[in-house]
Amino acid sequence: MLAESRQELPPDGALPGTLQFEQKADGFRAIVFARADLVQVQSRQGTDLTPAFPGIAHAAAARLDQGLVLDGELVVPHEGKLDFSELQHRARRRGRGAAEAAQQQPAYLIVFEILETASTELVARPYRERRAILVDLFDREVLTAPYVLCPATADRATALEWLDPVWGAAGIEGVVVKGSEQRYAMGKRGWLKVRARTTAEAVIGGVTGAAASPSTLLLARYDASWRLRSSASRRPRRCARPRR
């Protein structure tokens, strides 16, 4: 299931059933297969990520008797936040390098959907049933690290808090909205995604393309020492502190 981007949280009734909100982590979307005939970590585009994330694959192999197919977000925590650049670097590793990285800085799968268990497809079940099955697997510790249950709530106020820039600094880039009665329709856009937004003032030093629709901008901002920094200069010049 894919998500359609929105500017703000939708009103009640926008999706089948009551609205359910999940944190959207900044990572790689991945499907994990833990079947007797298949153990694989697969990207949204179908790329086999198993060699790059051996820790995730090894944990899946230990749960073959459950016959699980999980949908989630691959992430790599670093210094108190989710590090997307490190995740990209990890995705290119193979062999010994991937194994060492899995030991030194493990990747995790934040699981938000379950598509199959015990060889029973769940895609036709409503979200509330799929979620209850998933929560039960974590409660019974069938699923443990490196698998993590995605935080979810039906409370709109909590979802709005998750859109705060403070969460963005930790690697939570927004909220995914689902309907409690929604089926999982593979390949279709049925969920809604709202990204957190952060604004900041900057000085425009140059523009390429049309002014009404520029191609690129040269921007500069003041740092904590009130030095004006831009992407065009490695030696920022000191400027007078702007008056409020």
C-alpha atoms as a PDB file:
ATOM      1  CA  MET A   1       0.000   0.000   0.000  1.00  0.00           C
ATOM      2  CA  LEU A   2       1.282   3.452  -0.916  1.00  0.00           C
ATOM      3  CA  ALA A   3       0.474   6.788   0.698  1.00  0.00           C
ATOM      4  CA  GLU A   4      -0.785  10.023  -0.856  1.00  0.00           C
ATOM      5  CA  SER A   5       0.822  13.217   0.430  1.00  0.00           C
ATOM      6  CA  ARG A   6      -1.364  15.825   2.139  1.00  0.00           C
ATOM      7  CA  GLN A   7      -0.610  19.219   3.626  1.00  0.00           C
ATOM      8  CA  GLU A   8      -2.460  18.603   6.907  1.00  0.00           C
ATOM      9  CA  LEU A   9      -4.241  15.898   8.847  1.00  0.00           C
ATOM     10  CA  PRO A  10      -7.474  14.887   7.077  1.00  0.00           C
ATOM     11  CA  PRO A  11     -10.904  15.342   8.674  1.00  0.00           C
ATOM     12  CA  ASP A  12     -12.813  12.463  10.260  1.00  0.00           C
ATOM     13  CA  GLY A  13     -14.450  10.274   7.643  1.00  0.00           C
ATOM     14  CA  ALA A  14     -11.702  10.797   5.057  1.00  0.00           C
ATOM     15  CA  LEU A  15     -10.906   7.059   5.131  1.00  0.00           C
ATOM     16  CA  PRO A  16     -13.034   3.978   5.886  1.00  0.00           C
ATOM     17  CA  GLY A  17     -13.682   3.678   9.623  1.00  0.00           C
ATOM     18  CA  THR A  18     -12.061   5.814  12.283  1.00  0.00           C
ATOM     19  CA  LEU A  19      -8.751   7.507  11.536  1.00  0.00           C
ATOM     20  CA  GLN A  20      -5.600   5.862  12.863  1.00  0.00           C
ATOM     21  CA  PHE A  21      -2.281   7.714  12.971  1.00  0.00           C
ATOM     22  CA  GLU A  22       1.205   6.193  12.785  1.00  0.00           C
ATOM     23  CA  GLN A  23       4.623   7.800  13.056  1.00  0.00           C
ATOM     24  CA  LYS A  24       6.458   8.066   9.732  1.00  0.00           C
ATOM     25  CA  ALA A  25      10.155   7.376  10.308  1.00  0.00           C
ATOM     26  CA  ASP A  26      12.850   8.631   7.940  1.00  0.00           C
ATOM     27  CA  GLY A  27      14.107   5.365   6.467  1.00  0.00           C
ATOM     28  CA  PHE A  28      13.746   2.809   3.667  1.00  0.00           C
ATOM     29  CA  ARG A  29      10.404   1.097   3.117  1.00  0.00           C
ATOM     30  CA  ALA A  30      10.926  -2.675   3.174  1.00  0.00           C
ATOM     31  CA  ILE A  31       8.994  -5.942   3.115  1.00  0.00           C
ATOM     32  CA  VAL A  32      10.465  -8.809   5.153  1.00  0.00           C
ATOM     33  CA  PHE A  33       9.595 -12.395   4.246  1.00  0.00           C
ATOM     34  CA  ALA A  34      10.093 -15.071   6.918  1.00  0.00           C
ATOM     35  CA  ARG A  35       8.705 -18.187   5.242  1.00  0.00           C
ATOM     36  CA  ALA A  36       9.972 -21.753   5.109  1.00  0.00           C
ATOM     37  CA  ASP A  37      10.680 -21.262   1.405  1.00  0.00           C
ATOM     38  CA  LEU A  38      11.894 -17.671   1.512  1.00  0.00           C
ATOM     39  CA  VAL A  39      13.875 -15.359   3.794  1.00  0.00           C
ATOM     40  CA  GLN A  40      14.307 -11.957   2.214  1.00  0.00           C
ATOM     41  CA  VAL A  41      14.444  -8.233   2.920  1.00  0.00           C
ATOM     42  CA  GLN A  42      12.980  -6.492  -0.122  1.00  0.00           C
ATOM     43  CA  SER A  43      12.809  -2.797  -0.961  1.00  0.00           C
ATOM     44  CA  ARG A  44       9.664  -1.107  -2.241  1.00  0.00           C
ATOM     45  CA  GLN A  45      11.116  -1.304  -5.771  1.00  0.00           C
ATOM     46  CA  GLY A  46      11.746  -5.045  -5.396  1.00  0.00           C
ATOM     47  CA  THR A  47      15.507  -4.835  -4.767  1.00  0.00           C
ATOM     48  CA  ASP A  48      16.918  -7.623  -2.591  1.00  0.00           C
ATOM     49  CA  LEU A  49      18.372  -5.909   0.503  1.00  0.00           C
ATOM     50  CA  THR A  50      19.086  -9.163   2.361  1.00  0.00           C
ATOM     51  CA  PRO A  51      22.905  -9.032   1.897  1.00  0.00           C
ATOM     52  CA  ALA A  52      23.021  -5.418   3.069  1.00  0.00           C
ATOM     53  CA  PHE A  53      21.034  -6.022   6.264  1.00  0.00           C
ATOM     54  CA  PRO A  54      22.083  -9.470   7.550  1.00  0.00           C
ATOM     55  CA  GLY A  55      20.853  -8.709  11.067  1.00  0.00           C
ATOM     56  CA  ILE A  56      17.301  -8.189   9.851  1.00  0.00           C
ATOM     57  CA  ALA A  57      17.485 -11.314   7.679  1.00  0.00           C
ATOM     58  CA  HIS A  58      18.961 -13.454  10.482  1.00  0.00           C
ATOM     59  CA  ALA A  59      16.157 -12.412  12.832  1.00  0.00           C
ATOM     60  CA  ALA A  60      13.615 -13.295  10.133  1.00  0.00           C
ATOM     61  CA  ALA A  61      15.159 -16.753   9.687  1.00  0.00           C
ATOM     62  CA  ALA A  62      14.630 -17.417  13.392  1.00  0.00           C
ATOM     63  CA  ARG A  63      10.879 -16.962  12.944  1.00  0.00           C
ATOM     64  CA  LEU A  64      10.219 -19.254   9.976  1.00  0.00           C
ATOM     65  CA  ASP A  65       7.684 -21.281  11.953  1.00  0.00           C
ATOM     66  CA  GLN A  66       5.474 -18.185  12.154  1.00  0.00           C
ATOM     67  CA  GLY A  67       5.297 -17.725   8.367  1.00  0.00           C
ATOM     68  CA  LEU A  68       5.447 -13.935   8.615  1.00  0.00           C
ATOM     69  CA  VAL A  69       5.420 -11.230   5.964  1.00  0.00           C
ATOM     70  CA  LEU A  70       6.019  -7.801   7.495  1.00  0.00           C
ATOM     71  CA  ASP A  71       5.897  -4.287   6.077  1.00  0.00           C
ATOM     72  CA  GLY A  72       7.944  -1.572   7.734  1.00  0.00           C
ATOM     73  CA  GLU A  73      10.663   1.054   7.646  1.00  0.00           C
ATOM     74  CA  LEU A  74      14.367   0.211   7.817  1.00  0.00           C
ATOM     75  CA  VAL A  75      16.242   2.668  10.044  1.00  0.00           C
ATOM     76  CA  VAL A  76      19.673   3.078  11.622  1.00  0.00           C
ATOM     77  CA  PRO A  77      19.819   4.991  14.941  1.00  0.00           C
ATOM     78  CA  HIS A  78      22.876   7.114  15.644  1.00  0.00           C
ATOM     79  CA  GLU A  79      23.514   9.592  18.475  1.00  0.00           C
ATOM     80  CA  GLY A  80      19.892   9.755  19.564  1.00  0.00           C
ATOM     81  CA  LYS A  81      18.277  10.092  16.154  1.00  0.00           C
ATOM     82  CA  LEU A  82      17.615   8.145  12.977  1.00  0.00           C
ATOM     83  CA  ASP A  83      20.536   8.614  10.588  1.00  0.00           C
ATOM     84  CA  PHE A  84      19.359   8.441   6.966  1.00  0.00           C
ATOM     85  CA  SER A  85      22.826   8.995   5.508  1.00  0.00           C
ATOM     86  CA  GLU A  86      24.188   6.044   7.499  1.00  0.00           C
ATOM     87  CA  LEU A  87      21.240   3.965   6.294  1.00  0.00           C
ATOM     88  CA  GLN A  88      22.115   4.798   2.686  1.00  0.00           C
ATOM     89  CA  HIS A  89      25.728   3.838   3.346  1.00  0.00           C
ATOM     90  CA  ARG A  90      24.645   0.542   4.906  1.00  0.00           C
ATOM     91  CA  ALA A  91      22.454  -0.300   1.914  1.00  0.00           C
ATOM     92  CA  ARG A  92      25.578  -0.391  -0.295  1.00  0.00           C
ATOM     93  CA  ARG A  93      27.548  -2.771   1.927  1.00  0.00           C
ATOM     94  CA  ARG A  94      27.853  -6.487   1.312  1.00  0.00           C
ATOM     95  CA  GLY A  95      29.687  -9.462   2.800  1.00  0.00           C
ATOM     96  CA  ARG A  96      32.075  -8.845   5.687  1.00  0.00           C
ATOM     97  CA  GLY A  97      31.454  -5.092   5.686  1.00  0.00           C
ATOM     98  CA  ALA A  98      27.710  -5.575   6.091  1.00  0.00           C
ATOM     99  CA  ALA A  99      28.214  -8.131   8.871  1.00  0.00           C
ATOM    100  CA  GLU A 100      30.565  -5.813  10.785  1.00  0.00           C
ATOM    101  CA  ALA A 101      28.165  -2.886  10.433  1.00  0.00           C
ATOM    102  CA  ALA A 102      25.311  -5.051  11.730  1.00  0.00           C
ATOM    103  CA  GLN A 103      27.356  -5.736  14.853  1.00  0.00           C
ATOM    104  CA  GLN A 104      28.651  -2.206  15.414  1.00  0.00           C
ATOM    105  CA  GLN A 105      25.532  -0.216  14.551  1.00  0.00           C
ATOM    106  CA  PRO A 106      22.478  -2.454  14.094  1.00  0.00           C
ATOM    107  CA  ALA A 107      19.657  -1.576  11.727  1.00  0.00           C
ATOM    108  CA  TYR A 108      16.052  -1.944  12.859  1.00  0.00           C
ATOM    109  CA  LEU A 109      12.751  -2.515  11.107  1.00  0.00           C
ATOM    110  CA  ILE A 110       9.924  -0.360  12.446  1.00  0.00           C
ATOM    111  CA  VAL A 111       6.994  -2.649  11.646  1.00  0.00           C
ATOM    112  CA  PHE A 112       3.642  -1.054  10.828  1.00  0.00           C
ATOM    113  CA  GLU A 113       1.889  -3.817   8.875  1.00  0.00           C
ATOM    114  CA  ILE A 114       1.594  -7.591   8.807  1.00  0.00           C
ATOM    115  CA  LEU A 115       0.522  -9.140   5.507  1.00  0.00           C
ATOM    116  CA  GLU A 116       0.775 -12.826   6.316  1.00  0.00           C
ATOM    117  CA  THR A 117       1.107 -15.128   9.306  1.00  0.00           C
ATOM    118  CA  ALA A 118       1.068 -18.926   9.505  1.00  0.00           C
ATOM    119  CA  SER A 119       0.565 -19.007   5.717  1.00  0.00           C
ATOM    120  CA  THR A 120      -2.678 -17.023   6.067  1.00  0.00           C
ATOM    121  CA  GLU A 121      -2.949 -13.853   3.984  1.00  0.00           C
ATOM    122  CA  LEU A 122      -4.188 -10.859   5.947  1.00  0.00           C
ATOM    123  CA  VAL A 123      -4.346  -8.234   3.208  1.00  0.00           C
ATOM    124  CA  ALA A 124      -8.146  -8.498   2.982  1.00  0.00           C
ATOM    125  CA  ARG A 125      -8.584  -7.979   6.727  1.00  0.00           C
ATOM    126  CA  PRO A 126      -9.352  -4.466   7.999  1.00  0.00           C
ATOM    127  CA  TYR A 127      -6.501  -2.457   9.506  1.00  0.00           C
ATOM    128  CA  ARG A 128      -7.834  -2.837  13.062  1.00  0.00           C
ATOM    129  CA  GLU A 129      -7.539  -6.644  12.793  1.00  0.00           C
ATOM    130  CA  ARG A 130      -4.091  -6.550  11.193  1.00  0.00           C
ATOM    131  CA  ARG A 131      -2.884  -4.146  13.856  1.00  0.00           C
ATOM    132  CA  ALA A 132      -4.256  -6.329  16.679  1.00  0.00           C
ATOM    133  CA  ILE A 133      -2.415  -9.368  15.276  1.00  0.00           C
ATOM    134  CA  LEU A 134       0.798  -7.358  14.980  1.00  0.00           C
ATOM    135  CA  VAL A 135       0.547  -5.961  18.530  1.00  0.00           C
ATOM    136  CA  ASP A 136      -0.050  -9.476  19.862  1.00  0.00           C
ATOM    137  CA  LEU A 137       3.143 -10.744  18.206  1.00  0.00           C
ATOM    138  CA  PHE A 138       5.132  -8.060  20.021  1.00  0.00           C
ATOM    139  CA  ASP A 139       3.281  -8.600  23.313  1.00  0.00           C
ATOM    140  CA  ARG A 140       4.134 -12.310  23.205  1.00  0.00           C
ATOM    141  CA  GLU A 141       7.712 -11.443  22.172  1.00  0.00           C
ATOM    142  CA  VAL A 142       7.432 -13.433  18.986  1.00  0.00           C
ATOM    143  CA  LEU A 143       8.793 -10.249  17.442  1.00  0.00           C
ATOM    144  CA  THR A 144      11.659  -8.580  19.278  1.00  0.00           C
ATOM    145  CA  ALA A 145      14.698  -6.483  18.320  1.00  0.00           C
ATOM    146  CA  PRO A 146      15.726  -5.729  15.617  1.00  0.00           C
ATOM    147  CA  TYR A 147      11.973  -5.480  14.989  1.00  0.00           C
ATOM    148  CA  VAL A 148      10.176  -2.551  16.625  1.00  0.00           C
ATOM    149  CA  LEU A 149       6.436  -1.887  16.728  1.00  0.00           C
ATOM    150  CA  CYS A 150       5.507   1.374  15.013  1.00  0.00           C
ATOM    151  CA  PRO A 151       3.815   3.812  17.425  1.00  0.00           C
ATOM    152  CA  ALA A 152       0.141   4.345  16.534  1.00  0.00           C
ATOM    153  CA  THR A 153      -2.766   6.270  18.011  1.00  0.00           C
ATOM    154  CA  ALA A 154      -6.369   7.194  17.326  1.00  0.00           C
ATOM    155  CA  ASP A 155      -5.900  10.475  19.187  1.00  0.00           C
ATOM    156  CA  ARG A 156      -5.671  13.451  16.830  1.00  0.00           C
ATOM    157  CA  ALA A 157      -3.895  15.641  19.401  1.00  0.00           C
ATOM    158  CA  THR A 158      -1.108  13.080  19.743  1.00  0.00           C
ATOM    159  CA  ALA A 159      -0.746  12.919  15.952  1.00  0.00           C
ATOM    160  CA  LEU A 160      -0.388  16.706  15.840  1.00  0.00           C
ATOM    161  CA  GLU A 161       2.380  16.476  18.448  1.00  0.00           C
ATOM    162  CA  TRP A 162       4.216  14.020  16.193  1.00  0.00           C
ATOM    163  CA  LEU A 163       4.278  16.721  13.511  1.00  0.00           C
ATOM    164  CA  ASP A 164       6.273  18.997  15.807  1.00  0.00           C
ATOM    165  CA  PRO A 165       9.799  19.803  14.511  1.00  0.00           C
ATOM    166  CA  VAL A 166      11.240  18.316  17.706  1.00  0.00           C
ATOM    167  CA  TRP A 167      10.213  14.900  16.442  1.00  0.00           C
ATOM    168  CA  GLY A 168      11.632  15.783  13.039  1.00  0.00           C
ATOM    169  CA  ALA A 169      15.031  16.373  14.614  1.00  0.00           C
ATOM    170  CA  ALA A 170      14.893  12.801  15.952  1.00  0.00           C
ATOM    171  CA  GLY A 171      14.097  11.338  12.528  1.00  0.00           C
ATOM    172  CA  ILE A 172      10.293  11.238  12.532  1.00  0.00           C
ATOM    173  CA  GLU A 173       9.361  13.005   9.325  1.00  0.00           C
ATOM    174  CA  GLY A 174       5.588  12.998   9.687  1.00  0.00           C
ATOM    175  CA  VAL A 175       2.438  10.947  10.152  1.00  0.00           C
ATOM    176  CA  VAL A 176       0.750   8.249   8.062  1.00  0.00           C
ATOM    177  CA  VAL A 177      -3.047   8.172   8.338  1.00  0.00           C
ATOM    178  CA  LYS A 178      -5.029   4.958   7.878  1.00  0.00           C
ATOM    179  CA  GLY A 179      -8.665   3.966   8.226  1.00  0.00           C
ATOM    180  CA  SER A 180      -9.582   1.325  10.806  1.00  0.00           C
ATOM    181  CA  GLU A 181     -11.652  -0.541   8.191  1.00  0.00           C
ATOM    182  CA  GLN A 182      -9.161  -0.254   5.323  1.00  0.00           C
ATOM    183  CA  ARG A 183      -7.888  -3.324   3.536  1.00  0.00           C
ATOM    184  CA  TYR A 184      -4.255  -3.541   2.491  1.00  0.00           C
ATOM    185  CA  ALA A 185      -4.368  -2.959  -1.275  1.00  0.00           C
ATOM    186  CA  MET A 186      -0.897  -3.660  -2.642  1.00  0.00           C
ATOM    187  CA  GLY A 187       0.386  -1.056  -5.065  1.00  0.00           C
ATOM    188  CA  LYS A 188      -2.532   1.331  -4.545  1.00  0.00           C
ATOM    189  CA  ARG A 189      -2.561   4.711  -2.863  1.00  0.00           C
ATOM    190  CA  GLY A 190      -4.916   4.294   0.046  1.00  0.00           C
ATOM    191  CA  TRP A 191      -3.124   5.839   3.009  1.00  0.00           C
ATOM    192  CA  LEU A 192      -2.478   9.530   3.581  1.00  0.00           C
ATOM    193  CA  LYS A 193       0.926  10.956   4.511  1.00  0.00           C
ATOM    194  CA  VAL A 194       1.434  14.292   6.224  1.00  0.00           C
ATOM    195  CA  ARG A 195       4.997  15.547   6.522  1.00  0.00           C
ATOM    196  CA  ALA A 196       6.207  17.749   9.344  1.00  0.00           C
ATOM    197  CA  ARG A 197       7.186  21.222   8.162  1.00  0.00           C
ATOM    198  CA  THR A 198       9.891  23.485   9.510  1.00  0.00           C
ATOM    199  CA  THR A 199      10.339  27.090   8.395  1.00  0.00           C
ATOM    200  CA  ALA A 200      13.406  29.312   8.694  1.00  0.00           C
ATOM    201  CA  GLU A 201      14.402  32.748   7.459  1.00  0.00           C
ATOM    202  CA  ALA A 202      17.254  33.008   4.956  1.00  0.00           C
ATOM    203  CA  VAL A 203      18.922  35.557   2.699  1.00  0.00           C
ATOM    204  CA  ILE A 204      18.542  34.896  -1.039  1.00  0.00           C
ATOM    205  CA  GLY A 205      21.878  35.645  -2.675  1.00  0.00           C
ATOM    206  CA  GLY A 206      21.157  34.407  -6.175  1.00  0.00           C
ATOM    207  CA  VAL A 207      18.596  32.747  -8.402  1.00  0.00           C
ATOM    208  CA  THR A 208      18.794  30.595 -11.515  1.00  0.00           C
ATOM    209  CA  GLY A 209      15.808  30.219 -13.779  1.00  0.00           C
ATOM    210  CA  ALA A 210      12.689  32.355 -13.744  1.00  0.00           C
ATOM    211  CA  ALA A 211      12.107  34.474 -10.652  1.00  0.00           C
ATOM    212  CA  ALA A 212       8.513  33.247 -10.399  1.00  0.00           C
ATOM    213  CA  SER A 213       9.604  29.604 -10.601  1.00  0.00           C
ATOM    214  CA  PRO A 214      13.347  29.354  -9.849  1.00  0.00           C
ATOM    215  CA  SER A 215      15.417  26.269 -10.600  1.00  0.00           C
ATOM    216  CA  THR A 216      17.931  26.829  -7.793  1.00  0.00           C
ATOM    217  CA  LEU A 217      18.498  29.343  -5.023  1.00  0.00           C
ATOM    218  CA  LEU A 218      21.689  30.489  -3.337  1.00  0.00           C
ATOM    219  CA  LEU A 219      20.713  30.850   0.318  1.00  0.00           C
ATOM    220  CA  ALA A 220      22.544  32.108   3.391  1.00  0.00           C
ATOM    221  CA  ARG A 221      21.601  31.866   7.048  1.00  0.00           C
ATOM    222  CA  TYR A 222      23.015  33.133  10.327  1.00  0.00           C
ATOM    223  CA  ASP A 223      24.591  30.478  12.529  1.00  0.00           C
ATOM    224  CA  ALA A 224      24.768  30.503  16.334  1.00  0.00           C
ATOM    225  CA  SER A 225      27.755  32.902  16.217  1.00  0.00           C
ATOM    226  CA  TRP A 226      25.882  35.313  13.942  1.00  0.00           C
ATOM    227  CA  ARG A 227      28.058  34.479  10.966  1.00  0.00           C
ATOM    228  CA  LEU A 228      26.305  34.524   7.637  1.00  0.00           C
ATOM    229  CA  ARG A 229      26.894  31.161   6.019  1.00  0.00           C
ATOM    230  CA  SER A 230      26.094  30.119   2.481  1.00  0.00           C
ATOM    231  CA  SER A 231      26.712  27.071   0.339  1.00  0.00           C
ATOM    232  CA  ALA A 232      28.934  29.131  -1.987  1.00  0.00           C
ATOM    233  CA  SER A 233      31.598  30.108   0.550  1.00  0.00           C
ATOM    234  CA  ARG A 234      33.632  28.089   3.014  1.00  0.00           C
ATOM    235  CA  ARG A 235      34.734  31.251   4.797  1.00  0.00           C
ATOM    236  CA  PRO A 236      31.650  32.899   6.241  1.00  0.00           C
ATOM    237  CA  ARG A 237      31.890  36.585   6.947  1.00  0.00           C
ATOM    238  CA  ARG A 238      30.782  38.088  10.220  1.00  0.00           C
ATOM    239  CA  CYS A 239      27.725  40.302  10.003  1.00  0.00           C
ATOM    240  CA  ALA A 240      26.077  42.673  12.388  1.00  0.00           C
ATOM    241  CA  ARG A 241      23.436  41.035  14.524  1.00  0.00           C
ATOM    242  CA  PRO A 242      20.042  41.851  12.959  1.00  0.00           C
ATOM    243  CA  ARG A 243      17.718  43.972  15.010  1.00  0.00           C
ATOM    244  CA  ARG A 244      14.351  42.546  15.999  1.00  0.00           C
END
